[in-house]
Amino acid sequence: MNINKKISNDLKLVEKLIKKDISKEKTISGLYKYIFKSNGKKIRARLNLIASSKNLNKNRIKLASVIELLHTATLIHDDVVDDSAVRRGTKSVNKLWTNSHGVLIGDYIYSKAFMYMVDIGNKKILEELAIATNDISQGELIQLDAIRNLNITLQKLKKISYYKTGRLFEAAAKTGAINSNENQAFIFNISECAKYLGILFQIKDDLLDYSDNKKIGKPVFQDIKEGKVTYPFFYAYQKANGKEKKILKELLYSSKKIRRKDLELIESLSGIKKTEQLANHYHKKTIECAKKIKNLDIREEMIELSNNALNREK
C-alpha cells in the first residue's frame, strides 16, 4: 500500500476516534456532532501522519486526532471572536447557538485533546503541543492589533501568519516525527517544511478572501469587513497615494458591501500581485525544506501538499 492510500485510511480512523467518547449530555453531544459532521480537509492531521509514517506507533491515530481537535477548537473560538456566520460552508456554532456555546464547546474540545495527550504520555509531545497552543493564542491576540491598524508592519503580519497557522502545522509535523522516534535531522527538516507550508496556507487564505470564487465555502471580503489588515490590503495601502489611502481607510471602517471597484483598486495597487509573490516565496521555501528530507515518499507527500496549498481555490 502506498503512503498516500495508507494516510487516507488512517484519516478515517482519526475521524472515528474523534467521534468516539462524546458526552451523553444532549446539548454537548448535539454541538459536538454538528461540528464534526463535516470531515474537512484535515491537513494538519495528515501532516502528523506523514511525519510518523516511517516507524508506525500505537499512538499514531490518537496523536493525529489531538492535532485535529486542537485545530477545530481554535476555529470555533475564532468564529466567536470574529462573529463569523459561516464555517466550512455551513452556519457557525455561534450563529446557530450562541457565543457562549461556541466558547464552551471549544473549551470542551481542547480538554478532550489534552486528555488524549495525557494518554499518549510522551513528555516531549506534551511540551511541544502545550507551547504551540500558547503561541496560537498569542497569534489571535496579536491579530487584534491588526484591526483597522494602518501602521501595522509586514514583520507583524508575518508573525501573525506563523502563530495563527504555521505554528500548528509545525507542531503537527514535529510531534509526528517525535512519536515515530525519528532522528533530529528529520525532525528539524519536516518541522521547518511544515512551518513554511502553514504560513503559505495563511497567505493563500488572505488571497482567497479577496476572491469572488463561489467554491470557497465562506463569505468573501470577510477580513476587510471585520477591519482586518491582511497582506493584500497592506501592500495596496503601502503603494497608495493620499486620495487612494483615504478610500482604503474608509473601507476598513465601513460596514457597506464591498464593491467590484474596491477590489479593482486593491488590484491596481499591486495588493493581489505582491501577496501572490509572497505566497510563491513561501512555496519555494517549503519545497527547499522538503528536498532535504531523505525519505522519498515523505518528501513527495510534502511537495504535493505545498503545491496544493499554492494552487488551492478554497
Protein backbone atom coordinates (compact mmCIF):
# COMPACT_ATOMS: atom_id res chain seq x y z
CA MET A 1 0.00 0.00 0.00
CA ASN A 2 1.46 3.40 -0.95
CA ILE A 3 1.86 6.11 1.68
CA ASN A 4 -0.96 8.29 0.32
CA LYS A 5 -3.51 5.49 0.49
CA LYS A 6 -2.27 4.46 3.93
CA ILE A 7 -2.69 8.01 5.25
CA SER A 8 -6.16 8.34 3.71
CA ASN A 9 -7.18 5.14 5.53
CA ASP A 10 -5.60 6.42 8.75
CA LEU A 11 -7.57 9.68 8.47
CA LYS A 12 -10.77 7.63 8.53
CA LEU A 13 -9.58 6.12 11.82
CA VAL A 14 -8.90 9.66 13.09
CA GLU A 15 -12.48 10.65 12.22
CA LYS A 16 -13.78 7.56 14.01
CA LEU A 17 -11.76 8.26 17.16
CA ILE A 18 -12.77 11.94 17.25
CA LYS A 19 -16.44 10.94 17.16
CA LYS A 20 -15.97 8.43 19.99
CA ASP A 21 -16.48 9.00 23.73
CA ILE A 22 -18.81 12.00 23.41
CA SER A 23 -20.65 13.23 26.48
CA LYS A 24 -24.21 11.90 26.68
CA GLU A 25 -25.45 15.36 27.70
CA LYS A 26 -27.86 16.34 24.94
CA THR A 27 -26.55 19.89 24.40
CA ILE A 28 -22.90 18.80 24.34
CA SER A 29 -23.47 15.82 22.03
CA GLY A 30 -25.62 17.96 19.71
CA LEU A 31 -22.96 20.65 19.42
CA TYR A 32 -20.14 18.14 19.04
CA LYS A 33 -21.88 16.10 16.35
CA TYR A 34 -22.76 19.27 14.44
CA ILE A 35 -19.15 20.46 14.49
CA PHE A 36 -17.72 17.15 13.29
CA LYS A 37 -20.42 16.21 10.78
CA SER A 38 -18.24 17.86 8.12
CA ASN A 39 -14.95 16.00 7.86
CA GLY A 40 -12.90 18.89 6.43
CA LYS A 41 -9.50 18.60 4.76
CA LYS A 42 -7.59 17.58 7.91
CA ILE A 43 -4.32 18.99 6.51
CA ARG A 44 -2.74 19.20 9.97
CA ALA A 45 -3.72 15.65 10.93
CA ARG A 46 -2.41 14.47 7.55
CA LEU A 47 0.89 16.23 8.22
CA ASN A 48 1.15 14.48 11.56
CA LEU A 49 0.51 11.10 9.93
CA ILE A 50 3.03 11.78 7.15
CA ALA A 51 5.71 12.67 9.72
CA SER A 52 5.09 9.44 11.66
CA SER A 53 4.66 7.16 8.64
CA LYS A 54 8.12 5.58 8.62
CA ASN A 55 8.02 3.96 12.07
CA LEU A 56 4.42 3.13 12.95
CA ASN A 57 3.44 3.64 16.59
CA LYS A 58 0.33 2.61 18.52
CA ASN A 59 -0.32 6.25 19.47
CA ARG A 60 -0.23 7.46 15.86
CA ILE A 61 -4.00 7.78 15.31
CA LYS A 62 -4.58 9.27 18.76
CA LEU A 63 -1.92 11.94 18.19
CA ALA A 64 -3.34 12.89 14.78
CA SER A 65 -6.75 13.16 16.48
CA VAL A 66 -5.23 15.51 19.08
CA ILE A 67 -3.97 17.76 16.28
CA GLU A 68 -7.39 17.85 14.60
CA LEU A 69 -9.17 18.54 17.90
CA LEU A 70 -6.82 21.42 18.74
CA HIS A 71 -7.33 22.91 15.28
CA THR A 72 -11.12 22.59 15.49
CA ALA A 73 -11.21 24.23 18.92
CA THR A 74 -9.24 27.23 17.62
CA LEU A 75 -11.62 27.59 14.65
CA ILE A 76 -14.67 27.65 16.91
CA HIS A 77 -13.08 30.28 19.15
CA ASP A 78 -12.06 32.28 16.06
CA ASP A 79 -15.67 32.33 14.89
CA VAL A 80 -16.74 33.76 18.24
CA VAL A 81 -14.04 36.45 18.16
CA ASP A 82 -14.80 37.37 14.54
CA ASP A 83 -18.58 36.93 14.89
CA SER A 84 -18.43 34.75 11.77
CA ALA A 85 -21.68 33.34 10.44
CA VAL A 86 -20.27 30.54 8.27
CA ARG A 87 -17.66 27.83 8.76
CA ARG A 88 -16.79 25.25 6.05
CA GLY A 89 -19.88 26.22 4.08
CA THR A 90 -22.31 25.74 6.98
CA LYS A 91 -23.60 28.00 9.74
CA SER A 92 -21.13 28.50 12.58
CA VAL A 93 -21.82 27.29 16.13
CA ASN A 94 -22.08 30.82 17.48
CA LYS A 95 -24.77 31.68 14.92
CA LEU A 96 -26.86 28.53 15.37
CA TRP A 97 -26.46 28.57 19.16
CA THR A 98 -24.74 31.47 21.00
CA ASN A 99 -21.24 32.89 21.53
CA SER A 100 -21.27 31.28 24.98
CA HIS A 101 -21.92 27.87 23.40
CA GLY A 102 -19.04 28.50 20.98
CA VAL A 103 -16.57 29.38 23.73
CA LEU A 104 -17.56 26.46 25.96
CA ILE A 105 -17.72 23.74 23.30
CA GLY A 106 -14.32 24.99 22.10
CA ASP A 107 -13.01 24.53 25.64
CA TYR A 108 -14.59 21.07 25.78
CA ILE A 109 -12.79 20.06 22.56
CA TYR A 110 -9.49 21.48 23.87
CA SER A 111 -9.84 19.46 27.08
CA LYS A 112 -10.60 16.30 25.07
CA ALA A 113 -7.37 16.87 23.13
CA PHE A 114 -5.37 17.24 26.32
CA MET A 115 -6.90 14.06 27.77
CA TYR A 116 -5.65 12.18 24.70
CA MET A 117 -2.23 13.82 25.11
CA VAL A 118 -2.01 12.52 28.67
CA ASP A 119 -2.97 9.03 27.37
CA ILE A 120 -0.09 9.21 24.88
CA GLY A 121 2.21 10.02 27.80
CA ASN A 122 5.17 11.43 25.85
CA LYS A 123 6.60 14.44 27.69
CA LYS A 124 8.26 15.91 24.57
CA ILE A 125 4.99 15.74 22.63
CA LEU A 126 3.03 17.25 25.51
CA GLU A 127 5.56 20.07 25.84
CA GLU A 128 5.55 20.88 22.12
CA LEU A 129 1.74 20.96 21.90
CA ALA A 130 1.41 22.99 25.12
CA ILE A 131 3.82 25.61 23.76
CA ALA A 132 2.14 25.55 20.34
CA THR A 133 -1.36 26.17 21.77
CA ASN A 134 0.06 29.04 23.81
CA ASP A 135 1.65 30.51 20.66
CA ILE A 136 -1.62 30.14 18.72
CA SER A 137 -3.44 32.08 21.46
CA GLN A 138 -0.76 34.77 21.26
CA GLY A 139 -1.30 34.93 17.50
CA GLU A 140 -5.01 35.55 17.94
CA LEU A 141 -4.32 38.32 20.45
CA ILE A 142 -1.64 39.88 18.23
CA GLN A 143 -4.11 39.80 15.32
CA LEU A 144 -6.36 42.11 17.31
CA ASP A 145 -3.58 44.69 16.75
CA ALA A 146 -4.24 44.36 13.02
CA ILE A 147 -7.83 45.57 13.35
CA ARG A 148 -8.00 48.88 11.48
CA ASN A 149 -4.28 49.34 12.11
CA LEU A 150 -2.89 51.20 9.13
CA ASN A 151 0.57 51.32 10.74
CA ILE A 152 1.00 47.56 11.06
CA THR A 153 4.30 46.26 9.69
CA LEU A 154 4.97 43.41 7.29
CA GLN A 155 7.02 41.76 10.04
CA LYS A 156 3.98 41.80 12.37
CA LEU A 157 1.74 40.32 9.64
CA LYS A 158 4.25 37.50 9.09
CA LYS A 159 4.33 36.87 12.84
CA ILE A 160 0.53 36.59 12.85
CA SER A 161 0.67 34.12 9.93
CA TYR A 162 3.21 31.99 11.77
CA TYR A 163 1.47 31.98 15.15
CA LYS A 164 -2.07 31.63 13.77
CA THR A 165 -1.41 28.92 11.20
CA GLY A 166 2.22 27.97 10.72
CA ARG A 167 2.71 27.08 14.38
CA LEU A 168 0.20 24.22 14.47
CA PHE A 169 1.43 22.92 11.09
CA GLU A 170 4.94 22.90 12.56
CA ALA A 171 3.82 21.20 15.79
CA ALA A 172 1.82 18.61 13.85
CA ALA A 173 4.86 17.54 11.87
CA LYS A 174 7.28 17.77 14.80
CA THR A 175 5.17 15.70 17.19
CA GLY A 176 4.50 13.10 14.49
CA ALA A 177 8.24 12.72 13.96
CA ILE A 178 8.90 12.57 17.73
CA ASN A 179 6.19 9.93 18.14
CA SER A 180 7.92 7.88 15.45
CA ASN A 181 11.35 8.18 17.16
CA GLU A 182 12.86 9.89 14.14
CA ASN A 183 16.37 11.40 14.12
CA GLN A 184 16.99 15.10 14.82
CA ALA A 185 17.75 15.99 11.18
CA PHE A 186 14.41 14.57 10.03
CA ILE A 187 12.51 16.27 12.87
CA PHE A 188 14.08 19.62 12.01
CA ASN A 189 13.59 19.38 8.24
CA ILE A 190 9.95 18.25 8.33
CA SER A 191 9.11 20.80 11.06
CA GLU A 192 10.58 23.66 9.02
CA CYS A 193 8.85 22.43 5.88
CA ALA A 194 5.51 22.26 7.72
CA LYS A 195 6.01 25.72 9.26
CA TYR A 196 6.51 27.35 5.87
CA LEU A 197 3.60 25.31 4.47
CA GLY A 198 1.35 26.71 7.20
CA ILE A 199 2.43 30.29 6.51
CA LEU A 200 1.79 29.69 2.79
CA PHE A 201 -1.64 28.33 3.69
CA GLN A 202 -2.46 31.51 5.64
CA ILE A 203 -1.23 33.80 2.86
CA LYS A 204 -3.42 31.91 0.41
CA ASP A 205 -6.36 32.31 2.82
CA ASP A 206 -5.80 36.06 2.75
CA LEU A 207 -5.78 35.99 -1.04
CA LEU A 208 -8.95 33.89 -1.27
CA ASP A 209 -10.76 36.42 0.92
CA TYR A 210 -10.32 38.90 -1.95
CA SER A 211 -11.81 36.47 -4.46
CA ASP A 212 -15.41 36.14 -5.60
CA ASN A 213 -14.95 32.40 -6.20
CA LYS A 214 -18.16 30.66 -5.10
CA LYS A 215 -16.23 27.43 -4.29
CA ILE A 216 -14.62 28.93 -1.18
CA GLY A 217 -17.46 27.95 1.14
CA LYS A 218 -17.24 31.05 3.31
CA PRO A 219 -18.12 34.73 2.89
CA VAL A 220 -15.59 36.66 0.80
CA PHE A 221 -14.20 40.07 1.82
CA GLN A 222 -14.78 38.94 5.42
CA ASP A 223 -11.39 40.20 6.60
CA ILE A 224 -11.90 43.69 5.28
CA LYS A 225 -15.48 43.79 6.63
CA GLU A 226 -14.04 42.94 10.06
CA GLY A 227 -11.47 45.72 9.68
CA LYS A 228 -8.53 43.31 9.42
CA VAL A 229 -5.43 44.47 7.62
CA THR A 230 -4.14 41.40 5.77
CA TYR A 231 -1.48 41.15 3.05
CA PRO A 232 -3.50 42.34 0.00
CA PHE A 233 -4.74 45.42 1.85
CA PHE A 234 -1.33 46.05 3.44
CA TYR A 235 0.55 46.03 0.12
CA ALA A 236 -2.11 48.17 -1.59
CA TYR A 237 -2.08 50.75 1.20
CA GLN A 238 1.72 50.97 1.11
CA LYS A 239 1.61 51.93 -2.57
CA ALA A 240 -1.47 54.18 -2.45
CA ASN A 241 -1.39 57.97 -2.83
CA GLY A 242 -3.21 60.29 -0.44
CA LYS A 243 -6.59 60.03 -2.17
CA GLU A 244 -6.36 56.24 -2.52
CA LYS A 245 -5.30 55.88 1.11
CA LYS A 246 -8.45 57.74 2.15
CA ILE A 247 -10.66 55.37 0.11
CA LEU A 248 -8.93 52.30 1.58
CA LYS A 249 -9.19 53.65 5.10
CA GLU A 250 -12.93 54.20 4.64
CA LEU A 251 -13.25 50.56 3.50
CA LEU A 252 -11.82 49.37 6.81
CA TYR A 253 -14.27 51.47 8.79
CA SER A 254 -17.31 50.84 6.61
CA SER A 255 -19.92 48.12 7.02
CA LYS A 256 -21.09 48.62 3.43
CA LYS A 257 -20.90 45.85 0.85
CA ILE A 258 -17.51 45.65 -0.85
CA ARG A 259 -17.90 46.65 -4.49
CA ARG A 260 -16.04 45.39 -7.54
CA LYS A 261 -14.30 48.76 -7.92
CA ASP A 262 -12.91 48.43 -4.37
CA LEU A 263 -11.29 45.14 -5.33
CA GLU A 264 -10.04 46.67 -8.56
CA LEU A 265 -8.37 49.48 -6.57
CA ILE A 266 -6.53 46.96 -4.40
CA GLU A 267 -5.57 45.02 -7.53
CA SER A 268 -4.34 48.18 -9.30
CA LEU A 269 -2.12 48.99 -6.31
CA SER A 270 -0.47 45.53 -6.61
CA GLY A 271 -2.08 44.24 -3.41
CA ILE A 272 -3.00 40.93 -5.02
CA LYS A 273 0.18 40.62 -7.09
CA LYS A 274 2.51 41.29 -4.14
CA THR A 275 0.62 38.80 -1.97
CA GLU A 276 0.89 36.20 -4.74
CA GLN A 277 4.65 36.86 -4.87
CA LEU A 278 4.85 36.35 -1.11
CA ALA A 279 2.93 33.07 -1.46
CA ASN A 280 5.39 31.96 -4.16
CA HIS A 281 8.28 32.86 -1.85
CA TYR A 282 6.96 30.60 0.94
CA HIS A 283 6.12 27.87 -1.55
CA LYS A 284 9.76 27.92 -2.65
CA LYS A 285 10.95 27.75 0.98
CA THR A 286 8.62 24.80 1.63
CA ILE A 287 9.96 22.92 -1.39
CA GLU A 288 13.58 23.65 -0.40
CA CYS A 289 12.96 22.14 3.06
CA ALA A 290 11.08 19.18 1.58
CA LYS A 291 14.05 18.34 -0.64
CA LYS A 292 16.22 17.93 2.46
CA ILE A 293 14.01 15.06 3.65
CA LYS A 294 15.80 11.83 2.71
CA ASN A 295 12.74 9.57 2.70
CA LEU A 296 11.44 9.87 -0.88
CA ASP A 297 7.80 9.01 -0.10
CA ILE A 298 7.58 11.59 2.68
CA ARG A 299 9.41 14.17 0.57
CA GLU A 300 6.94 13.72 -2.28
CA GLU A 301 3.97 13.97 0.10
CA MET A 302 5.27 17.28 1.47
CA ILE A 303 5.91 18.66 -2.02
CA GLU A 304 2.39 17.67 -3.08
CA LEU A 305 0.89 19.40 -0.01
CA SER A 306 2.88 22.53 -0.84
CA ASN A 307 1.74 22.58 -4.47
CA ASN A 308 -1.87 22.01 -3.41
CA ALA A 309 -1.63 24.86 -0.88
CA LEU A 310 -0.34 27.26 -3.52
CA ASN A 311 -2.92 26.30 -6.15
CA ARG A 312 -6.00 25.74 -3.99
CA GLU A 313 -9.21 27.60 -4.79
CA LYS A 314 -10.97 27.10 -1.46
